[in-house]
Structures are given as structure tokens and as C-alpha cells.
Amino acid sequence: MDPSKKPSTRTRRPNTAQESEEKQFEEMTLHIDRVARVVKGGRRFRFRALVVVGDKKGQVGIGSAKGADVTLAVTKATEVAKKHLISVNLYNDTIPHEVDAKVSGSNILLIPARPGTGLIAGGVVRSVLESAGVKNILSKSIGSSNKTNTAYATIKALSELVPASKWVNKNKAAKKETKKAAPKAKAELKG
């Protein structure tokens, strides 16, 4: 090395946009399968990954993808999950109402629970609910135990939730109006 040339003292800065995106969402690998495709010379093996991505504040997404090796499959599935994020309507760390959803042979029932109950769910359903930020819930998986269908059924159930503000206040307001209108109607009949 030539002594007249000084080595570069510049250091590379890490890509902060990429780091902040990674910190924003927590990813969890739910299932990895080895799948085979039969061709003329034999079988070609690949891997399929099922990944859930969530921020634990009401956003969750799920993705499934195939790749030549496990890391490639997980990376692809994570990108798919980030593209398909949904917003979950939470109410006091639980869901606003009971909901069920069916995907293929998997049927999921989600029931809101009181504070302190915890996550009463197992397997894939528990991971999806944790990623969404639900802390108190009861769940029951009915039918098929296929992890992919169960995960998609859970996402479908969460996407069908209606916020409490859209259905609770309307009923209360309607009852109050009928109570106010009843005395006026009686007074009009008497007078």
C-alpha cells in the first residue's frame, strides 16, 4: 500500500428507513412446510412459509409464500404479509363483539372477554391475536386444524369486526329518544 494514500475514514451509515420499518412490525413465523413438485426427472423440493406480521396496536397481516430455501420463503411471506395488513377494531384490549368466520374447513369463533382473562387461544390463532394487540379474548377453533386455513379464518374474523361506536351509541340514542317522546305523546293525548 502506498503511504502517501491515506485509507478512507468514512464509515457507512446504516439504512435508517429499513431499520425503522423492521421495528414498526413484529414478525412471527407460524409454520414451515417442505413441498414437492413432481417433474419428469423426479421431485423438486421447495419450502412454504406462513408468517404473521403485526404492530400489537391493531394492525395485523398474514402471508404465505414458497422459496428454494427456508430464509427465502420466510422473506417472501413477510413481504406478502406487509402488503395485506388489516386494521383491527379493538375495544378495551379485547374485541367489541362476538364474531365467527369460516375459510375452507376451518371455522373460528372469537368471543370478547373481561379484563384479566388473558388470551384463551391456541396455536396459530394465539399468534395472530398477539400480533394484533388483543390481550383478553376467548376463542374456539372448530373443524379443520390446517394452520394456513385457521390463520386466514382468524384474519377474516378480525376484519369483520364493527367498531363499538357504530353500534353501541345508536341503540342508546334511540332508547333515549323514545323515552323523551313518550311523555310528550302522553301530554298531547291528555291535552
N, C-alpha and C. Protein backbone atom coordinates (compact mmCIF):
# COMPACT_ATOMS: atom_id res chain seq x y z
N MET A 1 0.84 -1.17 0.00
CA MET A 1 0.00 0.00 0.00
C MET A 1 0.89 1.23 0.00
N ASP A 2 0.50 2.20 -0.78
CA ASP A 2 1.26 3.44 -0.91
C ASP A 2 1.04 4.31 0.33
N PRO A 3 2.13 4.72 1.04
CA PRO A 3 1.99 5.51 2.27
C PRO A 3 1.41 6.91 2.02
N SER A 4 1.55 7.40 0.80
CA SER A 4 1.03 8.75 0.52
C SER A 4 -0.51 8.75 0.47
N LYS A 5 -1.08 7.59 0.19
CA LYS A 5 -2.55 7.49 0.15
C LYS A 5 -3.05 7.04 1.52
N LYS A 6 -3.89 7.85 2.09
CA LYS A 6 -4.47 7.50 3.39
C LYS A 6 -5.72 6.65 3.18
N PRO A 7 -5.91 5.69 4.06
CA PRO A 7 -7.14 4.91 3.94
C PRO A 7 -8.35 5.79 4.25
N SER A 8 -9.44 5.44 3.65
CA SER A 8 -10.67 6.21 3.83
C SER A 8 -11.18 6.08 5.26
N THR A 9 -11.50 7.22 5.87
CA THR A 9 -12.01 7.21 7.25
C THR A 9 -13.53 7.27 7.27
N ARG A 10 -14.14 7.38 6.10
CA ARG A 10 -15.60 7.44 6.05
C ARG A 10 -16.19 6.08 6.39
N THR A 11 -17.19 6.12 7.17
CA THR A 11 -17.89 4.87 7.50
C THR A 11 -19.28 4.91 6.89
N ARG A 12 -19.81 3.77 6.65
CA ARG A 12 -21.14 3.69 6.05
C ARG A 12 -22.20 3.87 7.12
N ARG A 13 -23.19 4.67 6.78
CA ARG A 13 -24.32 4.82 7.69
C ARG A 13 -25.33 3.72 7.38
N PRO A 14 -25.93 3.14 8.41
CA PRO A 14 -26.95 2.13 8.15
C PRO A 14 -28.20 2.77 7.57
N ASN A 15 -28.93 1.99 6.83
CA ASN A 15 -30.15 2.46 6.20
C ASN A 15 -31.23 2.59 7.27
N THR A 16 -31.50 3.81 7.72
CA THR A 16 -32.43 4.02 8.83
C THR A 16 -33.87 3.73 8.43
N ALA A 17 -34.22 3.92 7.19
CA ALA A 17 -35.59 3.64 6.75
C ALA A 17 -35.91 2.16 6.89
N GLN A 18 -34.95 1.32 6.56
CA GLN A 18 -35.15 -0.11 6.67
C GLN A 18 -35.24 -0.54 8.14
N GLU A 19 -34.41 0.06 8.99
CA GLU A 19 -34.43 -0.30 10.41
C GLU A 19 -35.73 0.11 11.07
N SER A 20 -36.24 1.30 10.74
CA SER A 20 -37.48 1.75 11.36
C SER A 20 -38.66 0.88 10.93
N GLU A 21 -38.64 0.41 9.69
CA GLU A 21 -39.71 -0.47 9.21
C GLU A 21 -39.68 -1.79 9.96
N GLU A 22 -38.48 -2.30 10.23
CA GLU A 22 -38.38 -3.56 10.94
C GLU A 22 -38.87 -3.42 12.38
N LYS A 23 -38.59 -2.27 13.01
CA LYS A 23 -39.01 -2.06 14.38
C LYS A 23 -40.51 -1.82 14.47
N GLN A 24 -41.10 -1.29 13.41
CA GLN A 24 -42.51 -0.96 13.42
C GLN A 24 -43.37 -2.22 13.52
N PHE A 25 -43.01 -3.29 12.84
CA PHE A 25 -43.80 -4.51 12.83
C PHE A 25 -43.00 -5.66 13.41
N GLU A 26 -43.70 -6.48 14.17
CA GLU A 26 -43.09 -7.69 14.72
C GLU A 26 -43.54 -8.85 13.85
N GLU A 27 -42.59 -9.64 13.40
CA GLU A 27 -42.95 -10.77 12.54
C GLU A 27 -42.72 -12.08 13.26
N MET A 28 -43.61 -13.04 12.99
CA MET A 28 -43.54 -14.34 13.63
C MET A 28 -43.81 -15.42 12.59
N THR A 29 -42.93 -16.39 12.49
CA THR A 29 -43.12 -17.50 11.56
C THR A 29 -44.05 -18.51 12.23
N LEU A 30 -45.16 -18.79 11.59
CA LEU A 30 -46.15 -19.70 12.16
C LEU A 30 -45.91 -21.15 11.76
N HIS A 31 -45.51 -21.34 10.49
CA HIS A 31 -45.38 -22.72 10.01
C HIS A 31 -44.47 -22.77 8.79
N ILE A 32 -43.67 -23.82 8.70
CA ILE A 32 -42.82 -24.05 7.52
C ILE A 32 -43.06 -25.47 7.04
N ASP A 33 -43.33 -25.59 5.76
CA ASP A 33 -43.60 -26.90 5.15
C ASP A 33 -42.60 -27.16 4.03
N ARG A 34 -42.26 -28.41 3.83
CA ARG A 34 -41.48 -28.78 2.65
C ARG A 34 -42.47 -29.34 1.64
N VAL A 35 -42.51 -28.72 0.49
CA VAL A 35 -43.47 -29.13 -0.54
C VAL A 35 -42.70 -29.67 -1.74
N ALA A 36 -43.32 -30.59 -2.45
CA ALA A 36 -42.66 -31.22 -3.59
C ALA A 36 -43.48 -31.01 -4.85
N ARG A 37 -42.76 -30.81 -5.95
CA ARG A 37 -43.40 -30.72 -7.25
C ARG A 37 -42.82 -31.85 -8.09
N VAL A 38 -43.66 -32.70 -8.62
CA VAL A 38 -43.19 -33.86 -9.38
C VAL A 38 -42.95 -33.44 -10.83
N VAL A 39 -41.72 -33.68 -11.28
CA VAL A 39 -41.35 -33.39 -12.67
C VAL A 39 -40.82 -34.67 -13.29
N LYS A 40 -40.45 -34.59 -14.56
CA LYS A 40 -40.03 -35.78 -15.30
C LYS A 40 -38.84 -36.49 -14.64
N GLY A 41 -37.89 -35.76 -14.13
CA GLY A 41 -36.70 -36.38 -13.53
C GLY A 41 -36.85 -36.78 -12.08
N GLY A 42 -37.97 -36.50 -11.48
CA GLY A 42 -38.16 -36.83 -10.06
C GLY A 42 -38.97 -35.76 -9.36
N ARG A 43 -38.52 -35.37 -8.15
CA ARG A 43 -39.24 -34.36 -7.38
C ARG A 43 -38.37 -33.13 -7.17
N ARG A 44 -39.00 -31.98 -7.22
CA ARG A 44 -38.32 -30.73 -6.88
C ARG A 44 -38.85 -30.26 -5.54
N PHE A 45 -37.99 -30.13 -4.56
CA PHE A 45 -38.42 -29.73 -3.22
C PHE A 45 -38.25 -28.23 -3.03
N ARG A 46 -39.26 -27.62 -2.41
CA ARG A 46 -39.23 -26.21 -2.05
C ARG A 46 -39.80 -26.09 -0.64
N PHE A 47 -39.77 -24.89 -0.11
CA PHE A 47 -40.30 -24.65 1.23
C PHE A 47 -41.39 -23.59 1.17
N ARG A 48 -42.45 -23.82 1.97
CA ARG A 48 -43.53 -22.85 2.07
C ARG A 48 -43.57 -22.34 3.50
N ALA A 49 -43.62 -21.01 3.66
CA ALA A 49 -43.64 -20.40 4.99
C ALA A 49 -44.94 -19.64 5.19
N LEU A 50 -45.44 -19.69 6.42
CA LEU A 50 -46.62 -18.94 6.82
C LEU A 50 -46.16 -17.96 7.91
N VAL A 51 -46.33 -16.66 7.65
CA VAL A 51 -45.80 -15.62 8.55
C VAL A 51 -46.91 -14.65 8.92
N VAL A 52 -46.92 -14.22 10.18
CA VAL A 52 -47.84 -13.18 10.63
C VAL A 52 -47.01 -11.96 11.02
N VAL A 53 -47.50 -10.77 10.63
CA VAL A 53 -46.81 -9.51 10.91
C VAL A 53 -47.81 -8.59 11.61
N GLY A 54 -47.39 -7.96 12.71
CA GLY A 54 -48.29 -7.06 13.42
C GLY A 54 -47.54 -6.06 14.26
N ASP A 55 -48.23 -4.97 14.63
CA ASP A 55 -47.59 -3.95 15.46
C ASP A 55 -48.10 -3.96 16.89
N LYS A 56 -48.97 -4.89 17.24
CA LYS A 56 -49.56 -5.03 18.57
C LYS A 56 -50.37 -3.80 18.97
N LYS A 57 -50.80 -3.02 17.98
CA LYS A 57 -51.61 -1.84 18.23
C LYS A 57 -52.85 -1.84 17.34
N GLY A 58 -53.19 -2.96 16.76
CA GLY A 58 -54.40 -3.03 15.95
C GLY A 58 -54.16 -3.31 14.48
N GLN A 59 -52.92 -3.47 14.06
CA GLN A 59 -52.65 -3.80 12.66
C GLN A 59 -52.02 -5.18 12.60
N VAL A 60 -52.52 -6.01 11.70
CA VAL A 60 -52.00 -7.37 11.55
C VAL A 60 -52.17 -7.81 10.10
N GLY A 61 -51.22 -8.62 9.65
CA GLY A 61 -51.27 -9.15 8.29
C GLY A 61 -50.70 -10.55 8.27
N ILE A 62 -51.09 -11.32 7.29
CA ILE A 62 -50.62 -12.70 7.20
C ILE A 62 -50.22 -12.97 5.76
N GLY A 63 -49.16 -13.76 5.60
CA GLY A 63 -48.69 -14.06 4.26
C GLY A 63 -48.12 -15.46 4.16
N SER A 64 -48.27 -16.05 2.99
CA SER A 64 -47.75 -17.38 2.73
C SER A 64 -47.01 -17.33 1.40
N ALA A 65 -45.80 -17.90 1.35
CA ALA A 65 -45.02 -17.87 0.11
C ALA A 65 -44.07 -19.07 0.08
N LYS A 66 -43.63 -19.40 -1.13
CA LYS A 66 -42.71 -20.51 -1.33
C LYS A 66 -41.35 -19.98 -1.75
N GLY A 67 -40.30 -20.74 -1.43
CA GLY A 67 -38.95 -20.37 -1.82
C GLY A 67 -38.06 -21.58 -1.89
N ALA A 68 -36.89 -21.41 -2.52
CA ALA A 68 -35.95 -22.51 -2.68
C ALA A 68 -35.37 -22.96 -1.34
N ASP A 69 -35.19 -22.01 -0.41
CA ASP A 69 -34.75 -22.38 0.93
C ASP A 69 -35.64 -21.69 1.95
N VAL A 70 -35.47 -22.01 3.23
CA VAL A 70 -36.36 -21.52 4.28
C VAL A 70 -36.30 -20.01 4.41
N THR A 71 -35.10 -19.44 4.42
CA THR A 71 -34.97 -17.99 4.61
C THR A 71 -35.62 -17.21 3.48
N LEU A 72 -35.49 -17.70 2.26
CA LEU A 72 -36.12 -17.04 1.11
C LEU A 72 -37.65 -17.12 1.22
N ALA A 73 -38.16 -18.25 1.64
CA ALA A 73 -39.61 -18.42 1.80
C ALA A 73 -40.15 -17.49 2.89
N VAL A 74 -39.43 -17.39 4.01
CA VAL A 74 -39.85 -16.52 5.11
C VAL A 74 -39.82 -15.06 4.68
N THR A 75 -38.78 -14.65 3.96
CA THR A 75 -38.66 -13.27 3.48
C THR A 75 -39.81 -12.92 2.54
N LYS A 76 -40.10 -13.82 1.60
CA LYS A 76 -41.20 -13.58 0.67
C LYS A 76 -42.54 -13.50 1.40
N ALA A 77 -42.76 -14.41 2.35
CA ALA A 77 -44.01 -14.43 3.09
C ALA A 77 -44.18 -13.17 3.94
N THR A 78 -43.08 -12.65 4.48
CA THR A 78 -43.12 -11.41 5.26
C THR A 78 -43.54 -10.24 4.39
N GLU A 79 -43.00 -10.17 3.17
CA GLU A 79 -43.37 -9.10 2.24
C GLU A 79 -44.86 -9.19 1.87
N VAL A 80 -45.34 -10.42 1.66
CA VAL A 80 -46.76 -10.61 1.34
C VAL A 80 -47.63 -10.15 2.51
N ALA A 81 -47.21 -10.49 3.74
CA ALA A 81 -47.98 -10.12 4.93
C ALA A 81 -48.03 -8.61 5.10
N LYS A 82 -46.92 -7.92 4.83
CA LYS A 82 -46.89 -6.45 4.96
C LYS A 82 -47.78 -5.77 3.93
N LYS A 83 -47.97 -6.40 2.77
CA LYS A 83 -48.83 -5.84 1.74
C LYS A 83 -50.32 -6.03 2.07
N HIS A 84 -50.63 -7.02 2.91
CA HIS A 84 -52.03 -7.34 3.21
C HIS A 84 -52.37 -7.06 4.67
N LEU A 85 -51.95 -5.92 5.20
CA LEU A 85 -52.26 -5.56 6.58
C LEU A 85 -53.72 -5.12 6.69
N ILE A 86 -54.34 -5.49 7.81
CA ILE A 86 -55.70 -5.02 8.09
C ILE A 86 -55.68 -4.30 9.44
N SER A 87 -56.63 -3.41 9.64
CA SER A 87 -56.79 -2.72 10.92
C SER A 87 -57.87 -3.44 11.72
N VAL A 88 -57.56 -3.74 12.97
CA VAL A 88 -58.49 -4.46 13.84
C VAL A 88 -59.12 -3.44 14.79
N ASN A 89 -60.43 -3.47 14.90
CA ASN A 89 -61.15 -2.58 15.81
C ASN A 89 -61.13 -3.17 17.21
N LEU A 90 -60.28 -2.62 18.07
CA LEU A 90 -60.17 -3.11 19.44
C LEU A 90 -61.01 -2.24 20.37
N TYR A 91 -61.47 -2.82 21.47
CA TYR A 91 -62.25 -2.11 22.48
C TYR A 91 -61.79 -2.58 23.85
N ASN A 92 -61.08 -1.75 24.58
CA ASN A 92 -60.54 -2.08 25.91
C ASN A 92 -59.71 -3.37 25.90
N ASP A 93 -58.75 -3.47 24.99
CA ASP A 93 -57.84 -4.61 24.86
C ASP A 93 -58.53 -5.92 24.49
N THR A 94 -59.77 -5.85 24.02
CA THR A 94 -60.46 -7.03 23.52
C THR A 94 -61.21 -6.63 22.25
N ILE A 95 -62.06 -7.50 21.75
CA ILE A 95 -62.81 -7.17 20.54
C ILE A 95 -64.19 -6.64 20.95
N PRO A 96 -64.83 -5.83 20.13
CA PRO A 96 -66.09 -5.22 20.53
C PRO A 96 -67.29 -6.17 20.60
N HIS A 97 -67.27 -7.25 19.84
CA HIS A 97 -68.40 -8.17 19.85
C HIS A 97 -67.95 -9.55 19.39
N GLU A 98 -68.83 -10.52 19.56
CA GLU A 98 -68.56 -11.90 19.16
C GLU A 98 -68.58 -12.00 17.64
N VAL A 99 -67.67 -12.80 17.09
CA VAL A 99 -67.59 -12.94 15.63
C VAL A 99 -67.09 -14.34 15.29
N ASP A 100 -67.56 -14.86 14.16
CA ASP A 100 -67.01 -16.13 13.67
C ASP A 100 -66.81 -16.03 12.17
N ALA A 101 -65.87 -16.83 11.69
CA ALA A 101 -65.56 -16.82 10.26
C ALA A 101 -65.13 -18.21 9.83
N LYS A 102 -65.40 -18.50 8.55
CA LYS A 102 -65.05 -19.82 8.02
C LYS A 102 -64.24 -19.65 6.74
N VAL A 103 -63.12 -20.34 6.68
CA VAL A 103 -62.30 -20.40 5.48
C VAL A 103 -62.04 -21.87 5.21
N SER A 104 -62.53 -22.35 4.07
CA SER A 104 -62.41 -23.76 3.71
C SER A 104 -63.01 -24.63 4.82
N GLY A 105 -62.22 -25.48 5.46
CA GLY A 105 -62.73 -26.35 6.51
C GLY A 105 -62.54 -25.81 7.91
N SER A 106 -61.85 -24.68 8.05
CA SER A 106 -61.57 -24.12 9.37
C SER A 106 -62.63 -23.08 9.74
N ASN A 107 -63.14 -23.20 10.95
CA ASN A 107 -64.13 -22.26 11.46
C ASN A 107 -63.61 -21.72 12.79
N ILE A 108 -63.57 -20.40 12.94
CA ILE A 108 -63.03 -19.76 14.13
C ILE A 108 -64.12 -18.94 14.80
N LEU A 109 -64.25 -19.09 16.11
CA LEU A 109 -65.18 -18.31 16.91
C LEU A 109 -64.37 -17.47 17.89
N LEU A 110 -64.56 -16.15 17.87
CA LEU A 110 -63.87 -15.23 18.77
C LEU A 110 -64.91 -14.54 19.66
N ILE A 111 -64.68 -14.57 20.98
CA ILE A 111 -65.61 -14.01 21.95
C ILE A 111 -64.86 -13.00 22.82
N PRO A 112 -65.40 -11.78 23.00
CA PRO A 112 -64.73 -10.81 23.87
C PRO A 112 -64.71 -11.29 25.31
N ALA A 113 -63.67 -10.87 26.04
CA ALA A 113 -63.52 -11.31 27.43
C ALA A 113 -63.26 -10.10 28.33
N ARG A 114 -63.51 -10.29 29.63
CA ARG A 114 -63.29 -9.22 30.60
C ARG A 114 -61.80 -9.01 30.84
N PRO A 115 -61.42 -7.83 31.34
CA PRO A 115 -60.01 -7.57 31.64
C PRO A 115 -59.47 -8.58 32.66
N GLY A 116 -58.28 -9.06 32.41
CA GLY A 116 -57.65 -10.04 33.29
C GLY A 116 -57.83 -11.48 32.84
N THR A 117 -58.64 -11.71 31.82
CA THR A 117 -58.88 -13.07 31.33
C THR A 117 -57.65 -13.61 30.62
N GLY A 118 -57.04 -12.78 29.79
CA GLY A 118 -55.88 -13.21 29.01
C GLY A 118 -56.29 -13.75 27.65
N LEU A 119 -55.32 -14.30 26.95
CA LEU A 119 -55.56 -14.87 25.63
C LEU A 119 -55.89 -16.35 25.79
N ILE A 120 -57.14 -16.69 25.64
CA ILE A 120 -57.53 -18.09 25.70
C ILE A 120 -57.65 -18.55 24.24
N ALA A 121 -56.54 -18.91 23.68
CA ALA A 121 -56.47 -19.35 22.29
C ALA A 121 -55.22 -20.21 22.15
N GLY A 122 -55.21 -21.04 21.15
CA GLY A 122 -54.07 -21.92 20.97
C GLY A 122 -53.50 -21.86 19.57
N GLY A 123 -52.25 -22.22 19.46
CA GLY A 123 -51.59 -22.36 18.17
C GLY A 123 -51.54 -21.10 17.34
N VAL A 124 -51.98 -21.22 16.11
CA VAL A 124 -51.90 -20.14 15.13
C VAL A 124 -52.82 -18.98 15.53
N VAL A 125 -53.99 -19.29 16.08
CA VAL A 125 -54.94 -18.24 16.46
C VAL A 125 -54.32 -17.33 17.51
N ARG A 126 -53.63 -17.91 18.48
CA ARG A 126 -52.98 -17.14 19.54
C ARG A 126 -51.93 -16.20 18.97
N SER A 127 -51.11 -16.69 18.05
CA SER A 127 -50.05 -15.87 17.45
C SER A 127 -50.63 -14.69 16.67
N VAL A 128 -51.70 -14.92 15.92
CA VAL A 128 -52.33 -13.85 15.14
C VAL A 128 -52.93 -12.80 16.08
N LEU A 129 -53.62 -13.25 17.14
CA LEU A 129 -54.23 -12.31 18.09
C LEU A 129 -53.19 -11.52 18.87
N GLU A 130 -52.08 -12.16 19.24
CA GLU A 130 -50.98 -11.45 19.92
C GLU A 130 -50.42 -10.36 19.02
N SER A 131 -50.20 -10.67 17.76
CA SER A 131 -49.65 -9.70 16.81
C SER A 131 -50.60 -8.54 16.58
N ALA A 132 -51.90 -8.79 16.71
CA ALA A 132 -52.90 -7.73 16.52
C ALA A 132 -53.00 -6.82 17.74
N GLY A 133 -52.56 -7.31 18.90
CA GLY A 133 -52.61 -6.49 20.12
C GLY A 133 -53.78 -6.81 21.02
N VAL A 134 -54.47 -7.93 20.78
CA VAL A 134 -55.60 -8.33 21.62
C VAL A 134 -55.03 -8.97 22.89
N LYS A 135 -55.51 -8.52 24.06
CA LYS A 135 -54.98 -9.04 25.32
C LYS A 135 -55.97 -9.94 26.07
N ASN A 136 -57.28 -9.73 25.88
CA ASN A 136 -58.31 -10.51 26.58
C ASN A 136 -59.32 -11.03 25.56
N ILE A 137 -59.35 -12.34 25.36
CA ILE A 137 -60.27 -12.92 24.37
C ILE A 137 -60.43 -14.41 24.62
N LEU A 138 -61.57 -14.93 24.22
CA LEU A 138 -61.83 -16.37 24.24
C LEU A 138 -61.99 -16.80 22.79
N SER A 139 -61.45 -17.96 22.43
CA SER A 139 -61.58 -18.41 21.05
C SER A 139 -61.79 -19.91 21.00
N LYS A 140 -62.41 -20.33 19.92
CA LYS A 140 -62.60 -21.76 19.69
C LYS A 140 -62.40 -22.04 18.22
N SER A 141 -61.55 -23.02 17.93
CA SER A 141 -61.31 -23.44 16.55
C SER A 141 -62.14 -24.70 16.29
N ILE A 142 -63.03 -24.59 15.32
CA ILE A 142 -63.93 -25.69 15.02
C ILE A 142 -63.62 -26.20 13.62
N GLY A 143 -63.61 -27.50 13.44
CA GLY A 143 -63.38 -28.06 12.12
C GLY A 143 -61.92 -28.39 11.89
N SER A 144 -61.42 -28.06 10.71
CA SER A 144 -60.07 -28.42 10.29
C SER A 144 -59.01 -27.76 11.15
N SER A 145 -57.90 -28.45 11.35
CA SER A 145 -56.78 -27.89 12.12
C SER A 145 -55.65 -27.44 11.20
N ASN A 146 -55.94 -27.32 9.91
CA ASN A 146 -54.96 -26.84 8.94
C ASN A 146 -54.50 -25.44 9.35
N LYS A 147 -53.19 -25.25 9.55
CA LYS A 147 -52.68 -23.99 10.09
C LYS A 147 -52.92 -22.81 9.15
N THR A 148 -52.77 -23.01 7.86
CA THR A 148 -52.96 -21.92 6.91
C THR A 148 -54.42 -21.47 6.90
N ASN A 149 -55.36 -22.40 6.80
CA ASN A 149 -56.77 -22.05 6.78
C ASN A 149 -57.21 -21.44 8.10
N THR A 150 -56.68 -21.95 9.22
CA THR A 150 -57.02 -21.41 10.54
C THR A 150 -56.55 -19.97 10.66
N ALA A 151 -55.34 -19.68 10.19
CA ALA A 151 -54.80 -18.33 10.24
C ALA A 151 -55.63 -17.37 9.39
N TYR A 152 -55.97 -17.79 8.17
CA TYR A 152 -56.78 -16.93 7.30
C TYR A 152 -58.20 -16.75 7.85
N ALA A 153 -58.75 -17.76 8.52
CA ALA A 153 -60.07 -17.63 9.13
C ALA A 153 -60.03 -16.63 10.28
N THR A 154 -58.94 -16.63 11.04
CA THR A 154 -58.78 -15.67 12.14
C THR A 154 -58.70 -14.25 11.60
N ILE A 155 -57.94 -14.05 10.53
CA ILE A 155 -57.82 -12.73 9.91
C ILE A 155 -59.19 -12.28 9.37
N LYS A 156 -59.92 -13.21 8.77
CA LYS A 156 -61.25 -12.88 8.23
C LYS A 156 -62.18 -12.46 9.36
N ALA A 157 -62.13 -13.17 10.49
CA ALA A 157 -62.98 -12.83 11.64
C ALA A 157 -62.62 -11.45 12.18
N LEU A 158 -61.33 -11.16 12.27
CA LEU A 158 -60.90 -9.84 12.78
C LEU A 158 -61.29 -8.71 11.83
N SER A 159 -61.30 -8.99 10.54
CA SER A 159 -61.66 -7.95 9.57
C SER A 159 -63.16 -7.67 9.56
N GLU A 160 -63.97 -8.60 10.06
CA GLU A 160 -65.42 -8.43 10.08
C GLU A 160 -65.92 -7.69 11.32
N LEU A 161 -65.01 -7.31 12.22
CA LEU A 161 -65.42 -6.61 13.44
C LEU A 161 -65.91 -5.20 13.11
N VAL A 162 -66.98 -4.80 13.79
CA VAL A 162 -67.54 -3.46 13.64
C VAL A 162 -67.17 -2.69 14.90
N PRO A 163 -66.66 -1.46 14.78
CA PRO A 163 -66.28 -0.70 15.98
C PRO A 163 -67.48 -0.47 16.90
N ALA A 164 -67.22 -0.45 18.18
CA ALA A 164 -68.28 -0.28 19.17
C ALA A 164 -69.03 1.03 18.98
N SER A 165 -68.36 2.06 18.54
CA SER A 165 -69.00 3.37 18.38
C SER A 165 -70.11 3.35 17.33
N LYS A 166 -70.05 2.42 16.39
CA LYS A 166 -71.05 2.37 15.32
C LYS A 166 -72.33 1.65 15.71
N TRP A 167 -72.28 0.79 16.73
CA TRP A 167 -73.49 0.06 17.08
C TRP A 167 -73.94 0.25 18.51
N VAL A 168 -73.08 0.67 19.43
CA VAL A 168 -73.48 0.86 20.81
C VAL A 168 -74.25 2.16 20.97
N ASN A 169 -73.74 3.25 20.47
CA ASN A 169 -74.35 4.56 20.67
C ASN A 169 -75.68 4.71 19.97
N LYS A 170 -75.87 4.08 18.84
CA LYS A 170 -77.13 4.19 18.11
C LYS A 170 -78.28 3.61 18.93
N ASN A 171 -78.06 2.48 19.57
CA ASN A 171 -79.10 1.86 20.38
C ASN A 171 -79.44 2.73 21.58
N LYS A 172 -78.42 3.26 22.27
CA LYS A 172 -78.64 4.10 23.43
C LYS A 172 -79.37 5.38 23.04
N ALA A 173 -78.96 5.97 21.93
CA ALA A 173 -79.60 7.21 21.47
C ALA A 173 -81.06 6.95 21.11
N ALA A 174 -81.34 5.83 20.48
CA ALA A 174 -82.71 5.50 20.09
C ALA A 174 -83.59 5.30 21.33
N LYS A 175 -83.07 4.66 22.36
CA LYS A 175 -83.82 4.44 23.60
C LYS A 175 -84.11 5.76 24.29
N LYS A 176 -83.11 6.66 24.33
CA LYS A 176 -83.29 7.96 24.96
C LYS A 176 -84.36 8.77 24.23
N GLU A 177 -84.35 8.73 22.91
CA GLU A 177 -85.32 9.48 22.14
C GLU A 177 -86.74 8.95 22.35
N THR A 178 -86.89 7.64 22.44
CA THR A 178 -88.22 7.08 22.67
C THR A 178 -88.71 7.40 24.07
N LYS A 179 -87.80 7.44 25.06
CA LYS A 179 -88.19 7.81 26.43
C LYS A 179 -88.62 9.27 26.49
N LYS A 180 -87.93 10.16 25.75
CA LYS A 180 -88.28 11.58 25.73
C LYS A 180 -89.59 11.80 24.97
N ALA A 181 -89.81 11.04 23.93
CA ALA A 181 -91.01 11.21 23.11
C ALA A 181 -92.26 10.66 23.80
N ALA A 182 -92.12 9.67 24.67
CA ALA A 182 -93.27 9.05 25.33
C ALA A 182 -94.02 10.04 26.22
N PRO A 183 -93.37 10.82 27.11
CA PRO A 183 -94.11 11.79 27.93
C PRO A 183 -94.78 12.88 27.08
N LYS A 184 -94.14 13.31 26.02
CA LYS A 184 -94.72 14.33 25.15
C LYS A 184 -95.98 13.79 24.47
N ALA A 185 -95.95 12.55 24.06
CA ALA A 185 -97.10 11.94 23.40
C ALA A 185 -98.27 11.80 24.39
N LYS A 186 -97.95 11.45 25.66
CA LYS A 186 -98.99 11.33 26.69
C LYS A 186 -99.62 12.70 26.97
N ALA A 187 -98.76 13.73 27.02
CA ALA A 187 -99.25 15.08 27.30
C ALA A 187 -100.16 15.55 26.17
N GLU A 188 -99.81 15.23 24.94
CA GLU A 188 -100.62 15.62 23.79
C GLU A 188 -101.97 14.90 23.79
N LEU A 189 -101.97 13.63 24.23
CA LEU A 189 -103.21 12.87 24.29
C LEU A 189 -104.14 13.43 25.38
N LYS A 190 -103.56 13.85 26.51
CA LYS A 190 -104.37 14.39 27.62
C LYS A 190 -104.93 15.76 27.27
N GLY A 191 -104.13 16.56 26.55
CA GLY A 191 -104.49 17.95 26.27
C GLY A 191 -105.27 18.11 25.05
